[in-house]
């Protein structure tokens, strides 16, 4: 018998390859053992995915810094972790598009605000919902390098370089996304009218969670944390406003929105 991974000859009683460590699979693939493998991979307490997720709450500085310092086998690597989350995100977007899209229409939120009660605002809100769903994974992925750049600037006096800041946000945003998918779909299934409230709660969570991670990772005092968070939010807000202005210019340039659309309804 040979190992199916590295082709090294093995004894018939072998359960694992003594060269590559691969498990010896003797049974033919069936639905039953496929389900068993999935359960073993994702729901066994000892597996890397679950232990990575748990330790990103219990001791995030260990998960992140151990990878940065060269430990590769203890936890799921950040790219693999993020890849799993992107797959779940894709399934999440499909379900929302199919069954719950109407609950993500934000036009009703500004419908009673006189300053925003015009055709342009309604067009932009409706278009933003469609675009955010269609390109959700792309926008979420682009958020990582942007957040890492802002973090590098704010934490300029720390030892992490840009790539290492990317590692921080690959892990942290994966945790945020996983919780958003699991609890978000639960809210949509049970009380969909409260989905925007849930989304706002998650925005607060992601700020608090990053404060927790960065405090433990960079050994920050309360004063240092407050200053760094304010600088981070200011820098991120500036980037957000700049991006929003650019989007509006693009909408004008493409003819999607016209100046007269900003006039209040008669």
Protein backbone atom coordinates (compact mmCIF):
# COMPACT_ATOMS: atom_id res chain seq x y z
CA UNK A 1 0.00 0.00 0.00
CA UNK A 2 1.28 3.46 -0.90
CA UNK A 3 0.48 6.84 0.62
CA UNK A 4 -1.94 8.66 -1.69
CA UNK A 5 -0.28 12.00 -0.89
CA UNK A 6 3.46 11.34 -1.16
CA UNK A 7 3.40 7.79 -2.63
CA UNK A 8 5.70 6.38 0.08
CA UNK A 9 5.17 2.62 0.71
CA UNK A 10 3.22 1.97 3.91
CA UNK A 11 2.37 -1.04 6.03
CA UNK A 12 -1.21 -2.29 5.64
CA UNK A 13 -2.02 -1.45 9.27
CA UNK A 14 -0.84 2.17 8.96
CA UNK A 15 -3.35 4.86 9.90
CA UNK A 16 -1.10 7.81 9.02
CA UNK A 17 1.87 8.27 6.72
CA UNK A 18 5.09 8.51 8.76
CA UNK A 19 6.58 10.78 6.08
CA UNK A 20 3.96 13.43 5.23
CA UNK A 21 1.58 12.84 8.14
CA UNK A 22 -1.41 12.34 5.84
CA UNK A 23 -4.28 10.17 7.06
CA UNK A 24 -4.63 6.84 5.28
CA UNK A 25 -8.07 6.64 3.65
CA UNK A 26 -9.16 3.05 3.06
CA UNK A 27 -12.92 3.45 2.61
CA UNK A 28 -14.52 4.50 -0.65
CA UNK A 29 -15.99 8.00 -0.61
CA UNK A 30 -19.66 8.02 0.41
CA UNK A 31 -22.10 10.64 1.64
CA UNK A 32 -21.83 9.30 5.19
CA UNK A 33 -18.04 9.51 5.47
CA UNK A 34 -18.05 12.84 3.58
CA UNK A 35 -20.35 14.29 6.28
CA UNK A 36 -18.13 12.75 8.95
CA UNK A 37 -15.07 14.40 7.40
CA UNK A 38 -16.79 17.80 7.23
CA UNK A 39 -17.85 17.47 10.86
CA UNK A 40 -14.35 16.46 11.90
CA UNK A 41 -12.83 19.35 9.96
CA UNK A 42 -15.09 22.18 11.12
CA UNK A 43 -16.83 21.16 14.35
CA UNK A 44 -14.28 19.13 16.27
CA UNK A 45 -12.94 21.19 19.20
CA UNK A 46 -9.39 20.16 18.41
CA UNK A 47 -9.46 21.29 14.79
CA UNK A 48 -7.52 24.36 13.74
CA UNK A 49 -10.47 26.38 12.47
CA UNK A 50 -12.44 26.25 15.70
CA UNK A 51 -9.38 26.72 17.91
CA UNK A 52 -8.31 29.70 15.77
CA UNK A 53 -11.75 31.30 16.10
CA UNK A 54 -11.92 30.73 19.87
CA UNK A 55 -8.39 31.98 20.51
CA UNK A 56 -9.03 35.13 18.47
CA UNK A 57 -11.30 36.02 21.40
CA UNK A 58 -9.34 34.46 24.27
CA UNK A 59 -5.81 35.44 23.22
CA UNK A 60 -5.79 37.22 19.82
CA UNK A 61 -2.26 38.48 20.33
CA UNK A 62 -1.02 34.86 20.45
CA UNK A 63 -2.80 33.85 17.22
CA UNK A 64 -1.63 36.92 15.30
CA UNK A 65 1.86 37.35 16.71
CA UNK A 66 2.70 33.65 16.52
CA UNK A 67 1.97 33.69 12.78
CA UNK A 68 3.96 36.90 12.30
CA UNK A 69 6.90 35.42 14.21
CA UNK A 70 6.93 32.27 12.07
CA UNK A 71 4.64 29.71 13.77
CA UNK A 72 2.60 28.16 10.98
CA UNK A 73 1.06 24.91 12.27
CA UNK A 74 -0.76 25.93 15.45
CA UNK A 75 -3.60 27.92 13.84
CA UNK A 76 -5.28 28.28 10.46
CA UNK A 77 -3.19 30.67 8.38
CA UNK A 78 -4.89 34.07 7.86
CA UNK A 79 -5.36 33.69 4.11
CA UNK A 80 -6.96 30.26 4.51
CA UNK A 81 -9.12 31.58 7.36
CA UNK A 82 -10.22 34.54 5.25
CA UNK A 83 -10.87 32.27 2.27
CA UNK A 84 -13.28 30.13 4.31
CA UNK A 85 -15.09 33.30 5.42
CA UNK A 86 -15.38 34.58 1.84
CA UNK A 87 -17.03 31.29 0.88
CA UNK A 88 -19.55 31.71 3.71
CA UNK A 89 -20.08 35.32 2.65
CA UNK A 90 -20.90 34.20 -0.86
CA UNK A 91 -23.55 31.81 0.48
CA UNK A 92 -24.86 34.56 2.75
CA UNK A 93 -25.24 37.03 -0.14
CA UNK A 94 -27.01 34.40 -2.24
CA UNK A 95 -29.55 33.76 0.54
CA UNK A 96 -30.12 37.47 1.15
CA UNK A 97 -30.55 38.19 -2.58
CA UNK A 98 -32.97 35.30 -2.90
CA UNK A 99 -35.16 35.80 0.16
CA UNK A 100 -34.39 38.98 2.12
CA UNK A 101 -33.25 41.70 -0.27
CA UNK A 102 -36.24 43.95 0.48
CA UNK A 103 -35.12 44.25 4.11
CA UNK A 104 -31.82 45.80 2.98
CA UNK A 105 -33.51 48.68 1.13
CA UNK A 106 -32.33 51.75 3.03
CA UNK A 107 -34.50 54.27 1.14
CA UNK A 108 -37.20 54.05 3.82
CA UNK A 109 -34.68 55.18 6.43
CA UNK A 110 -34.34 58.61 4.77
CA UNK A 111 -37.86 58.83 3.43
CA UNK A 112 -39.02 61.12 6.25
CA UNK A 113 -35.95 63.36 6.27
CA UNK A 114 -36.71 66.53 4.29
CA UNK A 115 -33.06 67.20 3.38
CA UNK A 116 -32.72 63.72 1.90
CA UNK A 117 -36.20 63.40 0.45
CA UNK A 118 -35.29 63.76 -3.23
CA UNK A 119 -34.90 61.54 -6.26
CA UNK A 120 -31.09 61.57 -6.18
CA UNK A 121 -30.91 60.25 -2.64
CA UNK A 122 -33.38 57.49 -3.42
CA UNK A 123 -31.43 56.50 -6.54
CA UNK A 124 -28.12 56.47 -4.68
CA UNK A 125 -29.54 54.44 -1.78
CA UNK A 126 -31.16 51.89 -4.08
CA UNK A 127 -28.04 51.63 -6.23
CA UNK A 128 -25.78 51.28 -3.20
CA UNK A 129 -27.87 48.34 -1.98
CA UNK A 130 -27.56 46.56 -5.34
CA UNK A 131 -23.83 47.26 -5.68
CA UNK A 132 -23.04 46.35 -2.07
CA UNK A 133 -24.71 42.97 -2.54
CA UNK A 134 -23.29 42.25 -5.99
CA UNK A 135 -19.72 43.19 -5.08
CA UNK A 136 -19.85 42.46 -1.35
CA UNK A 137 -16.88 40.07 -1.34
CA UNK A 138 -14.77 42.47 -3.43
CA UNK A 139 -15.50 45.45 -1.18
CA UNK A 140 -14.89 43.37 1.92
CA UNK A 141 -11.55 42.17 0.54
CA UNK A 142 -10.48 45.71 -0.40
CA UNK A 143 -11.28 46.85 3.12
CA UNK A 144 -8.40 44.76 4.48
CA UNK A 145 -5.48 46.57 2.77
CA UNK A 146 -7.11 49.97 3.40
CA UNK A 147 -7.55 49.27 7.12
CA UNK A 148 -3.98 47.91 7.27
CA UNK A 149 -2.63 51.10 5.66
CA UNK A 150 -4.47 53.32 8.14
CA UNK A 151 -3.31 51.07 10.98
CA UNK A 152 0.31 51.28 9.78
CA UNK A 153 0.10 55.09 9.84
CA UNK A 154 -1.58 55.25 13.25
CA UNK A 155 0.73 52.64 14.81
CA UNK A 156 3.85 53.97 13.10
CA UNK A 157 5.90 53.54 16.29
CA UNK A 158 5.17 49.82 16.59
CA UNK A 159 7.23 46.94 15.20
CA UNK A 160 4.71 45.68 12.62
CA UNK A 161 5.24 46.41 8.92
CA UNK A 162 2.43 46.83 6.38
CA UNK A 163 2.12 43.11 5.54
CA UNK A 164 1.95 42.24 9.22
CA UNK A 165 -0.85 44.78 9.70
CA UNK A 166 -2.67 43.04 6.83
CA UNK A 167 -2.42 39.79 8.84
CA UNK A 168 -4.11 41.50 11.80
CA UNK A 169 -7.12 42.52 9.72
CA UNK A 170 -7.37 39.27 7.79
CA UNK A 171 -7.98 37.58 11.12
CA UNK A 172 -10.10 40.27 12.79
CA UNK A 173 -12.38 40.98 9.83
CA UNK A 174 -12.87 37.25 9.33
CA UNK A 175 -14.20 36.99 12.88
CA UNK A 176 -16.48 39.98 12.30
CA UNK A 177 -17.77 38.54 9.03
CA UNK A 178 -18.40 35.08 10.47
CA UNK A 179 -20.46 36.52 13.33
CA UNK A 180 -22.30 38.83 10.93
CA UNK A 181 -23.26 35.91 8.69
CA UNK A 182 -24.39 33.58 11.48
CA UNK A 183 -26.31 36.12 13.57
CA UNK A 184 -27.40 38.22 10.58
CA UNK A 185 -29.17 35.31 8.92
CA UNK A 186 -30.73 34.43 12.27
CA UNK A 187 -32.11 37.96 12.62
CA UNK A 188 -33.43 37.90 9.06
CA UNK A 189 -35.14 34.58 9.69
CA UNK A 190 -36.68 35.57 13.03
CA UNK A 191 -37.16 39.36 12.98
CA UNK A 192 -36.06 40.79 9.61
CA UNK A 193 -37.33 44.31 10.38
CA UNK A 194 -34.58 44.61 12.99
CA UNK A 195 -31.75 43.80 10.57
CA UNK A 196 -30.51 47.42 10.36
CA UNK A 197 -30.45 47.58 14.15
CA UNK A 198 -28.38 44.40 14.17
CA UNK A 199 -26.01 45.89 11.57
CA UNK A 200 -25.46 48.97 13.77
CA UNK A 201 -24.73 46.74 16.75
CA UNK A 202 -22.13 44.90 14.66
CA UNK A 203 -20.47 48.23 13.75
CA UNK A 204 -20.07 48.93 17.45
CA UNK A 205 -18.79 45.40 17.98
CA UNK A 206 -16.08 45.69 15.32
CA UNK A 207 -14.75 48.91 16.88
CA UNK A 208 -14.71 47.39 20.38
CA UNK A 209 -13.20 44.13 19.13
CA UNK A 210 -10.38 45.93 17.33
CA UNK A 211 -9.70 48.00 20.45
CA UNK A 212 -9.41 44.73 22.36
CA UNK A 213 -7.09 43.14 19.78
CA UNK A 214 -4.81 46.16 19.35
CA UNK A 215 -4.57 46.76 23.10
CA UNK A 216 -3.40 43.21 23.69
CA UNK A 217 -1.19 43.08 20.60
CA UNK A 218 0.64 46.38 21.14
CA UNK A 219 0.35 46.56 24.97
CA UNK A 220 -1.51 49.89 24.92
CA UNK A 221 -2.58 51.92 27.92
CA UNK A 222 -6.09 53.40 28.05
CA UNK A 223 -4.69 56.81 27.06
CA UNK A 224 -2.69 55.37 24.15
CA UNK A 225 -5.67 53.32 22.99
CA UNK A 226 -8.00 56.35 23.05
CA UNK A 227 -5.60 58.48 21.00
CA UNK A 228 -4.88 55.70 18.50
CA UNK A 229 -8.56 54.85 18.02
CA UNK A 230 -9.47 58.51 17.45
CA UNK A 231 -6.67 58.86 14.90
CA UNK A 232 -7.75 55.65 13.19
CA UNK A 233 -11.41 56.69 13.00
CA UNK A 234 -10.50 60.16 11.69
CA UNK A 235 -8.23 58.74 8.99
CA UNK A 236 -10.78 56.10 8.03
CA UNK A 237 -13.58 58.70 7.96
CA UNK A 238 -11.54 60.90 5.62
CA UNK A 239 -11.00 57.95 3.26
CA UNK A 240 -14.72 57.08 3.45
CA UNK A 241 -15.82 60.65 2.64
CA UNK A 242 -13.32 60.85 -0.22
CA UNK A 243 -14.57 57.56 -1.64
CA UNK A 244 -18.21 58.67 -1.32
CA UNK A 245 -17.50 61.93 -3.18
CA UNK A 246 -15.72 59.98 -5.91
CA UNK A 247 -18.72 57.65 -6.26
CA UNK A 248 -21.11 60.62 -6.61
CA UNK A 249 -18.90 62.13 -9.33
CA UNK A 250 -18.93 58.79 -11.16
CA UNK A 251 -22.74 58.66 -10.91
CA UNK A 252 -22.94 62.17 -12.40
CA UNK A 253 -20.45 61.32 -15.13
CA UNK A 254 -22.31 58.15 -16.15
CA UNK A 255 -25.68 59.92 -16.12
CA UNK A 256 -27.11 57.71 -13.38
CA UNK A 257 -27.86 60.81 -11.28
CA UNK A 258 -28.68 64.28 -12.62
CA UNK A 259 -28.54 67.67 -10.82
CA UNK A 260 -32.32 68.05 -10.99
CA UNK A 261 -32.67 64.82 -9.03
CA UNK A 262 -31.49 66.72 -5.95
CA UNK A 263 -34.50 69.05 -6.04
CA UNK A 264 -37.11 68.29 -3.34
CA UNK A 265 -40.31 66.65 -4.56
CA UNK A 266 -43.12 69.04 -5.43
